[in-house]
Amino acid sequence: MKSFKPLKALIFVGFVALVVVCSEIWTNKVKSQLDKNGVNVHAKITRVVFSRGYNIDFEYNYKLTLYKNDSGTREFSCHVGDSILIRILPEDPDGNVYIIKKLYSYDQN
């Protein structure tokens, strides 16, 4: 019976490793699609939650339609009203988003 616990632990570790690898493959595939076929769009941050980085909600216009999306970043500090440059897929403008850079900060003072 004692040898069963290490086997369960090994199976669990293997499963976690598989999930991490699949996640990285998917992330790289999405980024590659955005790099190849994406268009750059200006977005305005509408909500910020700090938790191991900045979880942000933002909105942007693409072809006269307002879209709302969310993402996370650790690359720079974020505040409501800040402007960021994002990349979206023209055929799926409210789908996956890649944050390229922060354009400017809204100074609340």
N, C-alpha and C. Protein backbone atom coordinates (compact mmCIF):
# COMPACT_ATOMS: atom_id res chain seq x y z
N MET A 1 0.80 -1.19 0.00
CA MET A 1 0.00 0.00 0.00
C MET A 1 0.85 1.27 0.00
N LYS A 2 2.02 1.23 0.65
CA LYS A 2 2.83 2.44 0.74
C LYS A 2 3.37 2.85 -0.63
N SER A 3 3.59 1.93 -1.54
CA SER A 3 4.13 2.28 -2.85
C SER A 3 3.09 2.96 -3.73
N PHE A 4 1.83 2.94 -3.35
CA PHE A 4 0.78 3.56 -4.14
C PHE A 4 0.85 5.09 -4.07
N LYS A 5 1.21 5.66 -2.92
CA LYS A 5 1.28 7.12 -2.78
C LYS A 5 2.34 7.74 -3.69
N PRO A 6 3.54 7.19 -3.76
CA PRO A 6 4.51 7.78 -4.70
C PRO A 6 4.05 7.69 -6.15
N LEU A 7 3.34 6.63 -6.49
CA LEU A 7 2.83 6.50 -7.86
C LEU A 7 1.79 7.59 -8.14
N LYS A 8 0.90 7.85 -7.19
CA LYS A 8 -0.09 8.91 -7.36
C LYS A 8 0.59 10.28 -7.49
N ALA A 9 1.62 10.49 -6.68
CA ALA A 9 2.36 11.76 -6.75
C ALA A 9 3.04 11.91 -8.10
N LEU A 10 3.61 10.84 -8.61
CA LEU A 10 4.29 10.87 -9.91
C LEU A 10 3.29 11.15 -11.04
N ILE A 11 2.12 10.53 -10.97
CA ILE A 11 1.09 10.77 -11.97
C ILE A 11 0.63 12.22 -11.91
N PHE A 12 0.45 12.75 -10.71
CA PHE A 12 0.03 14.15 -10.55
C PHE A 12 1.07 15.10 -11.13
N VAL A 13 2.33 14.88 -10.82
CA VAL A 13 3.41 15.75 -11.33
C VAL A 13 3.46 15.67 -12.86
N GLY A 14 3.29 14.48 -13.39
CA GLY A 14 3.28 14.31 -14.85
C GLY A 14 2.13 15.07 -15.49
N PHE A 15 0.96 15.02 -14.85
CA PHE A 15 -0.20 15.73 -15.37
C PHE A 15 0.03 17.24 -15.35
N VAL A 16 0.56 17.76 -14.25
CA VAL A 16 0.84 19.19 -14.15
C VAL A 16 1.85 19.61 -15.22
N ALA A 17 2.87 18.82 -15.43
CA ALA A 17 3.87 19.13 -16.46
C ALA A 17 3.22 19.16 -17.84
N LEU A 18 2.33 18.23 -18.10
CA LEU A 18 1.64 18.19 -19.39
C LEU A 18 0.78 19.44 -19.58
N VAL A 19 0.07 19.86 -18.55
CA VAL A 19 -0.75 21.06 -18.63
C VAL A 19 0.11 22.29 -18.92
N VAL A 20 1.25 22.39 -18.25
CA VAL A 20 2.15 23.54 -18.46
C VAL A 20 2.68 23.56 -19.89
N VAL A 21 3.10 22.42 -20.39
CA VAL A 21 3.63 22.34 -21.75
C VAL A 21 2.55 22.71 -22.77
N CYS A 22 1.33 22.17 -22.60
CA CYS A 22 0.22 22.49 -23.52
C CYS A 22 -0.12 23.97 -23.47
N SER A 23 -0.08 24.56 -22.30
CA SER A 23 -0.37 25.98 -22.16
C SER A 23 0.67 26.83 -22.89
N GLU A 24 1.92 26.47 -22.76
CA GLU A 24 2.99 27.21 -23.45
C GLU A 24 2.86 27.08 -24.96
N ILE A 25 2.53 25.90 -25.45
CA ILE A 25 2.36 25.69 -26.89
C ILE A 25 1.21 26.55 -27.40
N TRP A 26 0.08 26.57 -26.68
CA TRP A 26 -1.07 27.36 -27.09
C TRP A 26 -0.73 28.85 -27.08
N THR A 27 -0.05 29.32 -26.03
CA THR A 27 0.33 30.72 -25.93
C THR A 27 1.23 31.13 -27.09
N ASN A 28 2.20 30.30 -27.42
CA ASN A 28 3.10 30.61 -28.53
C ASN A 28 2.36 30.60 -29.87
N LYS A 29 1.39 29.71 -30.03
CA LYS A 29 0.61 29.65 -31.26
C LYS A 29 -0.21 30.93 -31.43
N VAL A 30 -0.87 31.37 -30.35
CA VAL A 30 -1.68 32.58 -30.39
C VAL A 30 -0.80 33.79 -30.68
N LYS A 31 0.33 33.91 -30.00
CA LYS A 31 1.23 35.04 -30.22
C LYS A 31 1.74 35.05 -31.66
N SER A 32 2.04 33.88 -32.20
CA SER A 32 2.50 33.78 -33.58
C SER A 32 1.43 34.26 -34.55
N GLN A 33 0.17 33.87 -34.31
CA GLN A 33 -0.93 34.33 -35.17
C GLN A 33 -1.09 35.84 -35.08
N LEU A 34 -1.00 36.39 -33.87
CA LEU A 34 -1.12 37.83 -33.70
C LEU A 34 0.03 38.57 -34.37
N ASP A 35 1.25 38.03 -34.25
CA ASP A 35 2.41 38.66 -34.90
C ASP A 35 2.27 38.65 -36.42
N LYS A 36 1.76 37.57 -36.95
CA LYS A 36 1.67 37.40 -38.41
C LYS A 36 0.49 38.16 -39.01
N ASN A 37 -0.68 38.07 -38.39
CA ASN A 37 -1.90 38.59 -39.00
C ASN A 37 -2.57 39.72 -38.23
N GLY A 38 -2.01 40.11 -37.09
CA GLY A 38 -2.67 41.08 -36.22
C GLY A 38 -2.54 42.52 -36.69
N VAL A 39 -3.42 43.35 -36.15
CA VAL A 39 -3.37 44.80 -36.39
C VAL A 39 -3.24 45.50 -35.05
N ASN A 40 -2.53 46.61 -35.04
CA ASN A 40 -2.33 47.38 -33.81
C ASN A 40 -3.50 48.34 -33.59
N VAL A 41 -3.93 48.41 -32.32
CA VAL A 41 -5.06 49.26 -31.95
C VAL A 41 -4.74 49.92 -30.61
N HIS A 42 -5.15 51.18 -30.46
CA HIS A 42 -5.01 51.89 -29.19
C HIS A 42 -6.16 51.48 -28.28
N ALA A 43 -5.85 51.26 -27.01
CA ALA A 43 -6.88 50.89 -26.02
C ALA A 43 -6.73 51.76 -24.79
N LYS A 44 -7.83 51.94 -24.07
CA LYS A 44 -7.83 52.72 -22.83
C LYS A 44 -8.17 51.79 -21.68
N ILE A 45 -7.35 51.83 -20.62
CA ILE A 45 -7.56 50.99 -19.45
C ILE A 45 -8.74 51.53 -18.65
N THR A 46 -9.69 50.63 -18.32
CA THR A 46 -10.90 51.03 -17.60
C THR A 46 -10.95 50.48 -16.18
N ARG A 47 -10.14 49.47 -15.88
CA ARG A 47 -10.14 48.88 -14.54
C ARG A 47 -8.79 48.22 -14.30
N VAL A 48 -8.28 48.35 -13.07
CA VAL A 48 -6.99 47.76 -12.71
C VAL A 48 -7.11 47.05 -11.37
N VAL A 49 -6.61 45.83 -11.31
CA VAL A 49 -6.50 45.09 -10.06
C VAL A 49 -5.07 44.59 -9.96
N PHE A 50 -4.38 44.94 -8.86
CA PHE A 50 -3.01 44.48 -8.70
C PHE A 50 -3.01 43.15 -7.95
N SER A 51 -2.48 42.13 -8.60
CA SER A 51 -2.36 40.81 -8.00
C SER A 51 -1.31 40.03 -8.79
N ARG A 52 -0.08 40.00 -8.27
CA ARG A 52 1.04 39.37 -9.00
C ARG A 52 1.21 39.97 -10.38
N GLY A 53 1.09 41.24 -10.46
CA GLY A 53 1.10 41.96 -11.72
C GLY A 53 -0.18 42.77 -11.79
N TYR A 54 -0.47 43.30 -12.95
CA TYR A 54 -1.66 44.12 -13.13
C TYR A 54 -2.67 43.37 -14.00
N ASN A 55 -3.84 43.11 -13.44
CA ASN A 55 -4.95 42.56 -14.21
C ASN A 55 -5.79 43.75 -14.65
N ILE A 56 -5.93 43.92 -15.96
CA ILE A 56 -6.57 45.13 -16.47
C ILE A 56 -7.74 44.80 -17.38
N ASP A 57 -8.74 45.67 -17.33
CA ASP A 57 -9.82 45.69 -18.31
C ASP A 57 -9.56 46.90 -19.18
N PHE A 58 -9.85 46.79 -20.46
CA PHE A 58 -9.65 47.91 -21.37
C PHE A 58 -10.68 47.86 -22.48
N GLU A 59 -10.82 49.00 -23.14
CA GLU A 59 -11.73 49.07 -24.27
C GLU A 59 -11.03 49.74 -25.44
N TYR A 60 -11.49 49.37 -26.63
CA TYR A 60 -10.87 49.88 -27.85
C TYR A 60 -11.89 49.85 -28.98
N ASN A 61 -11.68 50.72 -29.95
CA ASN A 61 -12.52 50.78 -31.14
C ASN A 61 -11.80 50.11 -32.30
N TYR A 62 -12.54 49.29 -33.02
CA TYR A 62 -12.01 48.69 -34.25
C TYR A 62 -13.14 48.65 -35.26
N LYS A 63 -12.92 49.30 -36.38
CA LYS A 63 -13.92 49.40 -37.45
C LYS A 63 -15.27 49.88 -36.91
N LEU A 64 -15.22 50.99 -36.18
CA LEU A 64 -16.38 51.69 -35.65
C LEU A 64 -17.20 50.88 -34.64
N THR A 65 -16.59 49.87 -34.03
CA THR A 65 -17.25 49.08 -32.99
C THR A 65 -16.40 49.13 -31.73
N LEU A 66 -17.06 49.35 -30.58
CA LEU A 66 -16.36 49.36 -29.30
C LEU A 66 -16.27 47.95 -28.75
N TYR A 67 -15.06 47.54 -28.39
CA TYR A 67 -14.82 46.21 -27.81
C TYR A 67 -14.26 46.39 -26.41
N LYS A 68 -14.55 45.42 -25.56
CA LYS A 68 -14.00 45.38 -24.21
C LYS A 68 -13.30 44.05 -24.03
N ASN A 69 -12.15 44.10 -23.37
CA ASN A 69 -11.37 42.89 -23.18
C ASN A 69 -10.59 43.04 -21.88
N ASP A 70 -9.88 42.00 -21.51
CA ASP A 70 -9.04 42.04 -20.31
C ASP A 70 -7.78 41.24 -20.54
N SER A 71 -6.78 41.53 -19.74
CA SER A 71 -5.51 40.84 -19.84
C SER A 71 -4.72 41.12 -18.58
N GLY A 72 -3.52 40.63 -18.54
CA GLY A 72 -2.63 40.89 -17.43
C GLY A 72 -1.26 41.29 -17.95
N THR A 73 -0.55 42.05 -17.14
CA THR A 73 0.81 42.43 -17.52
C THR A 73 1.65 42.62 -16.26
N ARG A 74 2.92 42.36 -16.42
CA ARG A 74 3.93 42.65 -15.40
C ARG A 74 5.00 43.57 -15.96
N GLU A 75 4.79 44.00 -17.19
CA GLU A 75 5.80 44.79 -17.90
C GLU A 75 5.86 46.24 -17.45
N PHE A 76 4.74 46.79 -16.99
CA PHE A 76 4.69 48.19 -16.59
C PHE A 76 3.54 48.39 -15.63
N SER A 77 3.58 49.51 -14.89
CA SER A 77 2.48 49.82 -13.98
C SER A 77 1.29 50.32 -14.78
N CYS A 78 0.09 50.09 -14.25
CA CYS A 78 -1.13 50.46 -14.95
C CYS A 78 -2.06 51.24 -14.04
N HIS A 79 -2.74 52.20 -14.63
CA HIS A 79 -3.73 52.99 -13.92
C HIS A 79 -4.93 53.20 -14.84
N VAL A 80 -6.11 53.35 -14.24
CA VAL A 80 -7.30 53.64 -15.03
C VAL A 80 -7.06 54.92 -15.83
N GLY A 81 -7.36 54.87 -17.11
CA GLY A 81 -7.16 56.02 -17.99
C GLY A 81 -5.91 55.92 -18.83
N ASP A 82 -4.98 55.04 -18.46
CA ASP A 82 -3.76 54.86 -19.25
C ASP A 82 -4.10 54.35 -20.64
N SER A 83 -3.26 54.66 -21.59
CA SER A 83 -3.43 54.20 -22.97
C SER A 83 -2.37 53.14 -23.27
N ILE A 84 -2.81 52.06 -23.90
CA ILE A 84 -1.89 50.99 -24.29
C ILE A 84 -2.07 50.68 -25.76
N LEU A 85 -1.05 50.11 -26.34
CA LEU A 85 -1.11 49.65 -27.73
C LEU A 85 -1.25 48.13 -27.69
N ILE A 86 -2.29 47.62 -28.34
CA ILE A 86 -2.54 46.18 -28.35
C ILE A 86 -2.56 45.67 -29.79
N ARG A 87 -2.44 44.38 -29.93
CA ARG A 87 -2.56 43.75 -31.25
C ARG A 87 -3.71 42.76 -31.19
N ILE A 88 -4.61 42.84 -32.18
CA ILE A 88 -5.76 41.95 -32.27
C ILE A 88 -5.80 41.31 -33.65
N LEU A 89 -6.59 40.26 -33.78
CA LEU A 89 -6.81 39.65 -35.08
C LEU A 89 -8.02 40.32 -35.73
N PRO A 90 -7.90 40.79 -36.96
CA PRO A 90 -9.03 41.48 -37.63
C PRO A 90 -10.28 40.62 -37.72
N GLU A 91 -10.11 39.33 -37.89
CA GLU A 91 -11.27 38.45 -38.02
C GLU A 91 -11.90 38.08 -36.67
N ASP A 92 -11.22 38.43 -35.58
CA ASP A 92 -11.72 38.13 -34.23
C ASP A 92 -11.30 39.25 -33.28
N PRO A 93 -11.84 40.46 -33.48
CA PRO A 93 -11.35 41.62 -32.73
C PRO A 93 -11.60 41.57 -31.22
N ASP A 94 -12.55 40.76 -30.77
CA ASP A 94 -12.77 40.67 -29.33
C ASP A 94 -12.23 39.37 -28.75
N GLY A 95 -11.36 38.72 -29.51
CA GLY A 95 -10.74 37.46 -29.06
C GLY A 95 -9.43 37.71 -28.35
N ASN A 96 -8.41 36.97 -28.73
CA ASN A 96 -7.10 37.08 -28.09
C ASN A 96 -6.47 38.43 -28.38
N VAL A 97 -5.76 38.93 -27.37
CA VAL A 97 -5.12 40.24 -27.43
C VAL A 97 -3.69 40.11 -26.94
N TYR A 98 -2.79 40.85 -27.58
CA TYR A 98 -1.40 40.92 -27.13
C TYR A 98 -1.10 42.38 -26.81
N ILE A 99 -0.66 42.66 -25.59
CA ILE A 99 -0.29 44.03 -25.21
C ILE A 99 1.12 44.30 -25.71
N ILE A 100 1.25 45.30 -26.56
CA ILE A 100 2.55 45.63 -27.13
C ILE A 100 3.33 46.55 -26.19
N LYS A 101 2.69 47.66 -25.79
CA LYS A 101 3.37 48.59 -24.89
C LYS A 101 2.38 49.59 -24.32
N LYS A 102 2.83 50.29 -23.31
CA LYS A 102 2.07 51.38 -22.72
C LYS A 102 2.42 52.64 -23.53
N LEU A 103 1.39 53.37 -23.92
CA LEU A 103 1.63 54.58 -24.71
C LEU A 103 1.80 55.81 -23.83
N TYR A 104 0.88 56.02 -22.90
CA TYR A 104 1.02 57.14 -21.98
C TYR A 104 0.21 56.87 -20.73
N SER A 105 0.54 57.58 -19.68
CA SER A 105 -0.17 57.46 -18.42
C SER A 105 -1.09 58.64 -18.23
N TYR A 106 -2.23 58.35 -17.67
CA TYR A 106 -3.17 59.40 -17.30
C TYR A 106 -2.80 59.86 -15.90
N ASP A 107 -2.39 61.09 -15.78
CA ASP A 107 -2.02 61.65 -14.47
C ASP A 107 -3.27 62.21 -13.82
N GLN A 108 -3.64 61.64 -12.68
CA GLN A 108 -4.88 62.04 -12.01
C GLN A 108 -4.73 63.31 -11.19
N ASN A 109 -3.55 63.88 -11.11
CA ASN A 109 -3.34 65.11 -10.32
C ASN A 109 -3.58 66.34 -11.14
